[in-house]
Amino acid sequence: MGLQRTKITALVITFNEIGYIENCLKSIEFADEIIVVDSYSTDGTYEYLLAQPKVRVIQHPFKNYTAQKSFTLNQASNDWVIFVDADEVVTPELKTEIITTVNSSTSHAAFWFRRKFMFQQKRLRFSGWQTDKNYRLFRKSKVNFSDKRIVHETLVVDGTSTTLKKQLTHYCYRDFANYKHKMLLYGRLKAKEAILKGKRFSLFMLLAKPTFTFTYNFFIRLGFLDGIRGIKVCYLNARGDWERYLELRRLEQEQKIPSLNTAQQNG
């Protein structure tokens, strides 16, 4: 009689992911349970998910990334969880490493995945993404998403963690409009996060942070080696910082919080 295989739950959150979710789901078919939480897609994503016999789909309103992922994690029936984005694909090599890892006598509670970034169908090798990694495989009983972050969520791990050798493929750039929308959304959510932490708008930071972000990613992080693709990605990442400070100013005006510049003038 063979040893019982450890069961895995695969989790995904979606909003308007037609064209990407199909390959994502195919790559995680090895999971014993697949749960997708959709925030009311309008492009046919939800209908597509309903037609997948192995997928349990739940619609849940999107508040922020941390809240959505925390809700999704709570739906998992198994302790071992792989959490992937809808535009990510688990390669056959990574699949093998995942299965081997969870069925070993590992003492680690969580595992980082390094990611290979794809600009449409070509690999983006630089532009700040070359050392990116995220928690993607972990034990549900040993983690929770920190409520201190609402975008680029942080996992709090009760135990040790390490990095898997194989990479996750991330189709980060669909087209200019899609990536711009994503960066602007991140910027607005970071502004809300900043307000919660008591940070205030600064004209200096509005001008300096986007400039620094572009310069750092394009020159120091070698974005120029990615050619026109590097220019686009570095610009849009900087645009997200610009949006963050514009949104921070708007939130201050809405809540009648004096900005840092106003406070200094009145001081």
C-alpha atoms as a PDB file:
ATOM      1  CA  MET A   1       0.000   0.000   0.000  1.00  0.00           C
ATOM      2  CA  GLY A   2       1.519   3.345  -1.074  1.00  0.00           C
ATOM      3  CA  LEU A   3       1.866   6.450   1.007  1.00  0.00           C
ATOM      4  CA  GLN A   4      -1.072   8.848   0.876  1.00  0.00           C
ATOM      5  CA  ARG A   5      -0.368  11.881  -1.280  1.00  0.00           C
ATOM      6  CA  THR A   6      -0.670  15.298   0.357  1.00  0.00           C
ATOM      7  CA  LYS A   7      -3.620  17.246  -1.046  1.00  0.00           C
ATOM      8  CA  ILE A   8      -3.198  20.750  -2.453  1.00  0.00           C
ATOM      9  CA  THR A   9      -5.685  23.576  -2.955  1.00  0.00           C
ATOM     10  CA  ALA A  10      -5.023  26.056  -5.777  1.00  0.00           C
ATOM     11  CA  LEU A  11      -6.419  29.569  -5.272  1.00  0.00           C
ATOM     12  CA  VAL A  12      -6.875  32.404  -7.783  1.00  0.00           C
ATOM     13  CA  ILE A  13      -8.601  35.806  -7.674  1.00  0.00           C
ATOM     14  CA  THR A  14      -9.978  37.252 -10.901  1.00  0.00           C
ATOM     15  CA  PHE A  15     -11.474  40.312 -12.524  1.00  0.00           C
ATOM     16  CA  ASN A  16     -11.777  40.414 -16.329  1.00  0.00           C
ATOM     17  CA  GLU A  17      -9.091  37.811 -17.048  1.00  0.00           C
ATOM     18  CA  ILE A  18     -10.339  36.209 -20.278  1.00  0.00           C
ATOM     19  CA  GLY A  19      -7.310  35.385 -22.390  1.00  0.00           C
ATOM     20  CA  TYR A  20      -5.184  34.608 -19.335  1.00  0.00           C
ATOM     21  CA  ILE A  21      -7.237  32.553 -16.880  1.00  0.00           C
ATOM     22  CA  GLU A  22      -7.492  29.660 -19.372  1.00  0.00           C
ATOM     23  CA  ASN A  23      -3.748  28.924 -19.331  1.00  0.00           C
ATOM     24  CA  CYS A  24      -3.527  29.599 -15.613  1.00  0.00           C
ATOM     25  CA  LEU A  25      -6.184  26.967 -14.845  1.00  0.00           C
ATOM     26  CA  LYS A  26      -4.612  24.397 -17.176  1.00  0.00           C
ATOM     27  CA  SER A  27      -1.313  24.808 -15.343  1.00  0.00           C
ATOM     28  CA  ILE A  28      -2.845  24.102 -11.910  1.00  0.00           C
ATOM     29  CA  GLU A  29      -5.007  21.125 -12.907  1.00  0.00           C
ATOM     30  CA  PHE A  30      -2.762  18.943 -10.739  1.00  0.00           C
ATOM     31  CA  ALA A  31      -4.306  20.510  -7.602  1.00  0.00           C
ATOM     32  CA  ASP A  32      -6.924  18.473  -5.726  1.00  0.00           C
ATOM     33  CA  GLU A  33      -9.119  21.550  -5.305  1.00  0.00           C
ATOM     34  CA  ILE A  34      -9.270  24.722  -7.406  1.00  0.00           C
ATOM     35  CA  ILE A  35     -11.087  27.763  -6.025  1.00  0.00           C
ATOM     36  CA  VAL A  36     -11.449  31.013  -7.943  1.00  0.00           C
ATOM     37  CA  VAL A  37     -12.882  34.134  -6.317  1.00  0.00           C
ATOM     38  CA  ASP A  38     -14.152  36.541  -8.962  1.00  0.00           C
ATOM     39  CA  SER A  39     -14.941  40.190  -8.254  1.00  0.00           C
ATOM     40  CA  TYR A  40     -17.841  40.430 -10.722  1.00  0.00           C
ATOM     41  CA  SER A  41     -16.038  40.245 -14.070  1.00  0.00           C
ATOM     42  CA  THR A  42     -17.810  41.730 -17.084  1.00  0.00           C
ATOM     43  CA  ASP A  43     -15.776  40.153 -19.897  1.00  0.00           C
ATOM     44  CA  GLY A  44     -17.032  36.560 -19.666  1.00  0.00           C
ATOM     45  CA  THR A  45     -14.488  35.378 -17.074  1.00  0.00           C
ATOM     46  CA  TYR A  46     -17.185  34.358 -14.591  1.00  0.00           C
ATOM     47  CA  GLU A  47     -19.203  32.471 -17.212  1.00  0.00           C
ATOM     48  CA  TYR A  48     -16.052  30.687 -18.367  1.00  0.00           C
ATOM     49  CA  LEU A  49     -15.253  29.656 -14.791  1.00  0.00           C
ATOM     50  CA  LEU A  50     -18.769  28.325 -14.247  1.00  0.00           C
ATOM     51  CA  ALA A  51     -18.266  25.971 -17.187  1.00  0.00           C
ATOM     52  CA  GLN A  52     -15.132  24.409 -15.678  1.00  0.00           C
ATOM     53  CA  PRO A  53     -16.148  21.218 -13.831  1.00  0.00           C
ATOM     54  CA  LYS A  54     -13.105  21.121 -11.559  1.00  0.00           C
ATOM     55  CA  VAL A  55     -13.332  24.773 -10.542  1.00  0.00           C
ATOM     56  CA  ARG A  56     -15.331  26.095  -7.613  1.00  0.00           C
ATOM     57  CA  VAL A  57     -16.062  29.739  -8.388  1.00  0.00           C
ATOM     58  CA  ILE A  58     -17.295  32.304  -5.865  1.00  0.00           C
ATOM     59  CA  GLN A  59     -18.206  35.909  -6.574  1.00  0.00           C
ATOM     60  CA  HIS A  60     -17.113  38.343  -3.885  1.00  0.00           C
ATOM     61  CA  PRO A  61     -16.846  42.170  -4.020  1.00  0.00           C
ATOM     62  CA  PHE A  62     -13.317  43.567  -4.263  1.00  0.00           C
ATOM     63  CA  LYS A  63     -12.257  45.902  -1.460  1.00  0.00           C
ATOM     64  CA  ASN A  64      -8.498  45.568  -1.745  1.00  0.00           C
ATOM     65  CA  TYR A  65      -5.996  42.825  -2.522  1.00  0.00           C
ATOM     66  CA  THR A  66      -5.340  41.824   1.079  1.00  0.00           C
ATOM     67  CA  ALA A  67      -9.044  41.517   1.930  1.00  0.00           C
ATOM     68  CA  GLN A  68      -9.775  39.567  -1.268  1.00  0.00           C
ATOM     69  CA  LYS A  69      -6.892  37.148  -0.795  1.00  0.00           C
ATOM     70  CA  SER A  70      -7.708  36.643   2.892  1.00  0.00           C
ATOM     71  CA  PHE A  71     -11.290  35.758   1.973  1.00  0.00           C
ATOM     72  CA  THR A  72     -10.056  33.388  -0.729  1.00  0.00           C
ATOM     73  CA  LEU A  73      -7.578  31.671   1.583  1.00  0.00           C
ATOM     74  CA  ASN A  74     -10.367  30.983   4.073  1.00  0.00           C
ATOM     75  CA  GLN A  75     -12.225  28.961   1.404  1.00  0.00           C
ATOM     76  CA  ALA A  76      -9.452  26.359   1.059  1.00  0.00           C
ATOM     77  CA  SER A  77     -10.227  22.863   2.368  1.00  0.00           C
ATOM     78  CA  ASN A  78      -6.610  21.666   2.382  1.00  0.00           C
ATOM     79  CA  ASP A  79      -3.711  22.879   4.497  1.00  0.00           C
ATOM     80  CA  TRP A  80      -1.230  23.118   1.614  1.00  0.00           C
ATOM     81  CA  VAL A  81      -2.180  25.979  -0.697  1.00  0.00           C
ATOM     82  CA  ILE A  82      -0.765  27.332  -3.931  1.00  0.00           C
ATOM     83  CA  PHE A  83      -1.946  30.908  -4.591  1.00  0.00           C
ATOM     84  CA  VAL A  84      -1.386  32.177  -8.143  1.00  0.00           C
ATOM     85  CA  ASP A  85      -2.486  35.254 -10.033  1.00  0.00           C
ATOM     86  CA  ALA A  86      -4.712  34.820 -13.071  1.00  0.00           C
ATOM     87  CA  ASP A  87      -1.902  35.944 -15.387  1.00  0.00           C
ATOM     88  CA  GLU A  88       0.595  33.450 -13.954  1.00  0.00           C
ATOM     89  CA  VAL A  89       1.362  29.960 -15.245  1.00  0.00           C
ATOM     90  CA  VAL A  90       2.904  27.059 -13.338  1.00  0.00           C
ATOM     91  CA  THR A  91       5.404  25.343 -15.618  1.00  0.00           C
ATOM     92  CA  PRO A  92       5.633  21.517 -15.724  1.00  0.00           C
ATOM     93  CA  GLU A  93       9.017  21.738 -13.965  1.00  0.00           C
ATOM     94  CA  LEU A  94       7.617  23.912 -11.194  1.00  0.00           C
ATOM     95  CA  LYS A  95       4.588  21.615 -10.863  1.00  0.00           C
ATOM     96  CA  THR A  96       6.914  18.668 -10.235  1.00  0.00           C
ATOM     97  CA  GLU A  97       8.869  20.643  -7.637  1.00  0.00           C
ATOM     98  CA  ILE A  98       5.653  21.696  -5.860  1.00  0.00           C
ATOM     99  CA  ILE A  99       4.317  18.129  -5.645  1.00  0.00           C
ATOM    100  CA  THR A 100       7.681  16.791  -4.488  1.00  0.00           C
ATOM    101  CA  THR A 101       7.988  19.522  -1.865  1.00  0.00           C
ATOM    102  CA  VAL A 102       4.587  19.097  -0.206  1.00  0.00           C
ATOM    103  CA  ASN A 103       5.013  15.323  -0.147  1.00  0.00           C
ATOM    104  CA  SER A 104       8.430  15.530   1.469  1.00  0.00           C
ATOM    105  CA  SER A 105       9.139  15.871   5.170  1.00  0.00           C
ATOM    106  CA  THR A 106       9.739  19.611   4.795  1.00  0.00           C
ATOM    107  CA  SER A 107       9.676  21.693   7.966  1.00  0.00           C
ATOM    108  CA  HIS A 108       9.142  24.950   6.082  1.00  0.00           C
ATOM    109  CA  ALA A 109       5.742  26.633   6.341  1.00  0.00           C
ATOM    110  CA  ALA A 110       6.000  28.711   3.154  1.00  0.00           C
ATOM    111  CA  PHE A 111       7.903  28.919  -0.117  1.00  0.00           C
ATOM    112  CA  TRP A 112       8.883  31.854  -2.297  1.00  0.00           C
ATOM    113  CA  PHE A 113       8.545  31.568  -6.079  1.00  0.00           C
ATOM    114  CA  ARG A 114      10.823  33.518  -8.375  1.00  0.00           C
ATOM    115  CA  ARG A 115       8.980  34.815 -11.423  1.00  0.00           C
ATOM    116  CA  LYS A 116       9.877  35.035 -15.111  1.00  0.00           C
ATOM    117  CA  PHE A 117       8.189  38.136 -16.512  1.00  0.00           C
ATOM    118  CA  MET A 118       6.680  38.076 -19.960  1.00  0.00           C
ATOM    119  CA  PHE A 119       6.053  41.255 -21.957  1.00  0.00           C
ATOM    120  CA  GLN A 120       3.269  39.955 -24.175  1.00  0.00           C
ATOM    121  CA  GLN A 121       5.070  36.862 -25.560  1.00  0.00           C
ATOM    122  CA  LYS A 122       8.684  37.941 -24.962  1.00  0.00           C
ATOM    123  CA  ARG A 123      10.641  37.706 -21.741  1.00  0.00           C
ATOM    124  CA  LEU A 124      11.360  40.924 -19.853  1.00  0.00           C
ATOM    125  CA  ARG A 125      14.794  40.341 -18.328  1.00  0.00           C
ATOM    126  CA  PHE A 126      15.504  43.610 -16.511  1.00  0.00           C
ATOM    127  CA  SER A 127      13.570  46.835 -15.702  1.00  0.00           C
ATOM    128  CA  GLY A 128      13.510  46.037 -11.969  1.00  0.00           C
ATOM    129  CA  TRP A 129      11.851  42.628 -12.281  1.00  0.00           C
ATOM    130  CA  GLN A 130      14.913  40.381 -12.357  1.00  0.00           C
ATOM    131  CA  THR A 131      14.990  39.646  -8.604  1.00  0.00           C
ATOM    132  CA  ASP A 132      11.232  39.604  -7.978  1.00  0.00           C
ATOM    133  CA  LYS A 133       9.799  36.799  -5.847  1.00  0.00           C
ATOM    134  CA  ASN A 134       6.555  36.172  -3.986  1.00  0.00           C
ATOM    135  CA  TYR A 135       5.085  33.705  -1.545  1.00  0.00           C
ATOM    136  CA  ARG A 136       2.966  31.310  -3.598  1.00  0.00           C
ATOM    137  CA  LEU A 137       3.072  27.959  -1.769  1.00  0.00           C
ATOM    138  CA  PHE A 138       2.322  27.701   1.943  1.00  0.00           C
ATOM    139  CA  ARG A 139       0.414  25.963   4.697  1.00  0.00           C
ATOM    140  CA  LYS A 140      -2.914  27.635   5.452  1.00  0.00           C
ATOM    141  CA  SER A 141      -2.583  26.841   9.146  1.00  0.00           C
ATOM    142  CA  LYS A 142       0.728  28.706   9.373  1.00  0.00           C
ATOM    143  CA  VAL A 143       0.044  31.985   7.556  1.00  0.00           C
ATOM    144  CA  ASN A 144      -2.180  35.014   7.312  1.00  0.00           C
ATOM    145  CA  PHE A 145      -2.208  38.142   5.182  1.00  0.00           C
ATOM    146  CA  SER A 146      -1.074  41.216   7.110  1.00  0.00           C
ATOM    147  CA  ASP A 147      -3.770  43.883   7.463  1.00  0.00           C
ATOM    148  CA  LYS A 148      -1.046  46.551   7.341  1.00  0.00           C
ATOM    149  CA  ARG A 149      -0.886  46.299   3.541  1.00  0.00           C
ATOM    150  CA  ILE A 150      -3.798  46.567   1.100  1.00  0.00           C
ATOM    151  CA  VAL A 151      -1.750  46.280  -2.118  1.00  0.00           C
ATOM    152  CA  HIS A 152       1.332  44.127  -2.757  1.00  0.00           C
ATOM    153  CA  GLU A 153       0.015  42.132   0.159  1.00  0.00           C
ATOM    154  CA  THR A 154       2.375  40.721   2.773  1.00  0.00           C
ATOM    155  CA  LEU A 155       2.161  37.195   4.145  1.00  0.00           C
ATOM    156  CA  VAL A 156       2.874  36.719   7.851  1.00  0.00           C
ATOM    157  CA  VAL A 157       4.424  33.265   8.300  1.00  0.00           C
ATOM    158  CA  ASP A 158       4.516  31.294  11.530  1.00  0.00           C
ATOM    159  CA  GLY A 159       7.631  29.285  10.772  1.00  0.00           C
ATOM    160  CA  THR A 160      10.502  29.170   8.319  1.00  0.00           C
ATOM    161  CA  SER A 161      10.438  29.666   4.575  1.00  0.00           C
ATOM    162  CA  THR A 162      12.695  29.123   1.578  1.00  0.00           C
ATOM    163  CA  THR A 163      12.703  29.589  -2.211  1.00  0.00           C
ATOM    164  CA  LEU A 164      11.859  26.951  -4.805  1.00  0.00           C
ATOM    165  CA  LYS A 165      14.333  26.495  -7.657  1.00  0.00           C
ATOM    166  CA  LYS A 166      11.944  26.595 -10.632  1.00  0.00           C
ATOM    167  CA  GLN A 167      10.313  29.827 -11.790  1.00  0.00           C
ATOM    168  CA  LEU A 168       6.689  30.848 -12.165  1.00  0.00           C
ATOM    169  CA  THR A 169       5.840  32.457 -15.530  1.00  0.00           C
ATOM    170  CA  HIS A 170       4.110  35.823 -15.164  1.00  0.00           C
ATOM    171  CA  TYR A 171       2.420  37.440 -18.174  1.00  0.00           C
ATOM    172  CA  CYS A 172       2.617  40.870 -16.593  1.00  0.00           C
ATOM    173  CA  TYR A 173       2.147  43.010 -19.726  1.00  0.00           C
ATOM    174  CA  ARG A 174      -0.922  42.353 -21.870  1.00  0.00           C
ATOM    175  CA  ASP A 175      -0.944  45.745 -23.594  1.00  0.00           C
ATOM    176  CA  PHE A 176      -0.237  49.387 -22.729  1.00  0.00           C
ATOM    177  CA  ALA A 177      -3.780  50.211 -21.611  1.00  0.00           C
ATOM    178  CA  ASN A 178      -4.105  47.126 -19.407  1.00  0.00           C
ATOM    179  CA  TYR A 179      -0.760  47.642 -17.659  1.00  0.00           C
ATOM    180  CA  LYS A 180      -1.477  51.352 -17.208  1.00  0.00           C
ATOM    181  CA  HIS A 181      -4.819  50.526 -15.582  1.00  0.00           C
ATOM    182  CA  LYS A 182      -3.072  48.095 -13.244  1.00  0.00           C
ATOM    183  CA  MET A 183      -0.394  50.614 -12.212  1.00  0.00           C
ATOM    184  CA  LEU A 184      -2.971  53.362 -11.621  1.00  0.00           C
ATOM    185  CA  LEU A 185      -5.041  50.996  -9.472  1.00  0.00           C
ATOM    186  CA  TYR A 186      -1.960  50.071  -7.446  1.00  0.00           C
ATOM    187  CA  GLY A 187      -1.166  53.771  -7.033  1.00  0.00           C
ATOM    188  CA  ARG A 188      -4.631  54.593  -5.712  1.00  0.00           C
ATOM    189  CA  LEU A 189      -4.578  51.653  -3.280  1.00  0.00           C
ATOM    190  CA  LYS A 190      -1.113  52.667  -2.041  1.00  0.00           C
ATOM    191  CA  ALA A 191      -2.505  56.155  -1.378  1.00  0.00           C
ATOM    192  CA  LYS A 192      -5.271  54.680   0.794  1.00  0.00           C
ATOM    193  CA  GLU A 193      -2.636  52.617   2.576  1.00  0.00           C
ATOM    194  CA  ALA A 194      -0.580  55.775   3.174  1.00  0.00           C
ATOM    195  CA  ILE A 195      -3.596  57.637   4.617  1.00  0.00           C
ATOM    196  CA  LEU A 196      -4.196  54.770   7.058  1.00  0.00           C
ATOM    197  CA  LYS A 197      -0.570  55.052   8.172  1.00  0.00           C
ATOM    198  CA  GLY A 198      -0.900  58.797   8.752  1.00  0.00           C
ATOM    199  CA  LYS A 199       1.237  59.847   5.786  1.00  0.00           C
ATOM    200  CA  ARG A 200       0.458  63.097   3.974  1.00  0.00           C
ATOM    201  CA  PHE A 201       0.797  64.595   0.514  1.00  0.00           C
ATOM    202  CA  SER A 202       4.060  66.297  -0.391  1.00  0.00           C
ATOM    203  CA  LEU A 203       4.654  68.223  -3.607  1.00  0.00           C
ATOM    204  CA  PHE A 204       8.309  67.250  -3.406  1.00  0.00           C
ATOM    205  CA  MET A 205       7.434  63.540  -3.302  1.00  0.00           C
ATOM    206  CA  LEU A 206       4.920  63.955  -6.165  1.00  0.00           C
ATOM    207  CA  LEU A 207       7.784  65.159  -8.343  1.00  0.00           C
ATOM    208  CA  ALA A 208      10.693  63.197  -6.882  1.00  0.00           C
ATOM    209  CA  LYS A 209       9.305  59.680  -6.408  1.00  0.00           C
ATOM    210  CA  PRO A 210       8.190  59.006 -10.030  1.00  0.00           C
ATOM    211  CA  THR A 211      11.473  60.472 -11.296  1.00  0.00           C
ATOM    212  CA  PHE A 212      13.475  58.263  -8.953  1.00  0.00           C
ATOM    213  CA  THR A 213      11.422  55.164  -9.826  1.00  0.00           C
ATOM    214  CA  PHE A 214      11.966  55.586 -13.562  1.00  0.00           C
ATOM    215  CA  THR A 215      15.665  56.458 -13.218  1.00  0.00           C
ATOM    216  CA  TYR A 216      16.365  53.588 -10.834  1.00  0.00           C
ATOM    217  CA  ASN A 217      14.557  50.912 -12.865  1.00  0.00           C
ATOM    218  CA  PHE A 218      15.721  52.134 -16.279  1.00  0.00           C
ATOM    219  CA  PHE A 219      19.382  52.807 -15.487  1.00  0.00           C
ATOM    220  CA  ILE A 220      20.388  51.090 -12.229  1.00  0.00           C
ATOM    221  CA  ARG A 221      18.126  48.055 -12.776  1.00  0.00           C
ATOM    222  CA  LEU A 222      19.146  47.961 -16.462  1.00  0.00           C
ATOM    223  CA  GLY A 223      15.729  48.615 -18.012  1.00  0.00           C
ATOM    224  CA  PHE A 224      17.471  50.147 -21.028  1.00  0.00           C
ATOM    225  CA  LEU A 225      18.636  46.629 -21.955  1.00  0.00           C
ATOM    226  CA  ASP A 226      14.969  45.709 -22.507  1.00  0.00           C
ATOM    227  CA  GLY A 227      14.775  48.376 -25.247  1.00  0.00           C
ATOM    228  CA  ILE A 228      11.386  49.951 -25.995  1.00  0.00           C
ATOM    229  CA  ARG A 229       9.741  47.399 -23.707  1.00  0.00           C
ATOM    230  CA  GLY A 230      11.890  48.640 -20.839  1.00  0.00           C
ATOM    231  CA  ILE A 231      10.933  52.255 -21.532  1.00  0.00           C
ATOM    232  CA  LYS A 232       7.228  51.394 -21.454  1.00  0.00           C
ATOM    233  CA  VAL A 233       7.373  49.334 -18.259  1.00  0.00           C
ATOM    234  CA  CYS A 234       9.628  51.762 -16.382  1.00  0.00           C
ATOM    235  CA  TYR A 235       7.436  54.695 -17.418  1.00  0.00           C
ATOM    236  CA  LEU A 236       4.226  52.980 -16.316  1.00  0.00           C
ATOM    237  CA  ASN A 237       5.728  51.935 -12.981  1.00  0.00           C
ATOM    238  CA  ALA A 238       6.713  55.562 -12.397  1.00  0.00           C
ATOM    239  CA  ARG A 239       3.226  56.636 -13.484  1.00  0.00           C
ATOM    240  CA  GLY A 240       1.840  54.490 -10.668  1.00  0.00           C
ATOM    241  CA  ASP A 241       3.868  56.506  -8.145  1.00  0.00           C
ATOM    242  CA  TRP A 242       2.578  59.749  -9.704  1.00  0.00           C
ATOM    243  CA  GLU A 243      -0.990  58.488  -9.323  1.00  0.00           C
ATOM    244  CA  ARG A 244      -0.326  57.502  -5.701  1.00  0.00           C
ATOM    245  CA  TYR A 245       0.529  61.065  -4.669  1.00  0.00           C
ATOM    246  CA  LEU A 246      -2.267  62.624  -6.716  1.00  0.00           C
ATOM    247  CA  GLU A 247      -4.722  60.264  -5.014  1.00  0.00           C
ATOM    248  CA  LEU A 248      -3.181  61.010  -1.618  1.00  0.00           C
ATOM    249  CA  ARG A 249      -3.830  64.722  -2.193  1.00  0.00           C
ATOM    250  CA  ARG A 250      -7.400  63.984  -3.280  1.00  0.00           C
ATOM    251  CA  LEU A 251      -8.062  61.870  -0.195  1.00  0.00           C
ATOM    252  CA  GLU A 252      -6.668  64.587   2.064  1.00  0.00           C
ATOM    253  CA  GLN A 253      -8.954  67.172   0.459  1.00  0.00           C
ATOM    254  CA  GLU A 254     -11.916  64.795   0.734  1.00  0.00           C
ATOM    255  CA  GLN A 255     -11.229  64.130   4.415  1.00  0.00           C
ATOM    256  CA  LYS A 256     -10.106  67.732   5.060  1.00  0.00           C
ATOM    257  CA  ILE A 257      -6.664  66.628   6.233  1.00  0.00           C
ATOM    258  CA  PRO A 258      -4.021  69.362   5.844  1.00  0.00           C
ATOM    259  CA  SER A 259      -1.241  68.345   3.479  1.00  0.00           C
ATOM    260  CA  LEU A 260       2.400  68.360   4.560  1.00  0.00           C
ATOM    261  CA  ASN A 261       3.002  71.461   2.431  1.00  0.00           C
ATOM    262  CA  THR A 262       0.077  73.331   4.069  1.00  0.00           C
ATOM    263  CA  ALA A 263       1.169  72.298   7.545  1.00  0.00           C
ATOM    264  CA  GLN A 264       4.694  73.584   6.887  1.00  0.00           C
ATOM    265  CA  GLN A 265       3.362  76.889   5.546  1.00  0.00           C
ATOM    266  CA  ASN A 266       1.151  77.349   8.612  1.00  0.00           C
ATOM    267  CA  GLY A 267       3.791  76.179  11.050  1.00  0.00           C
END
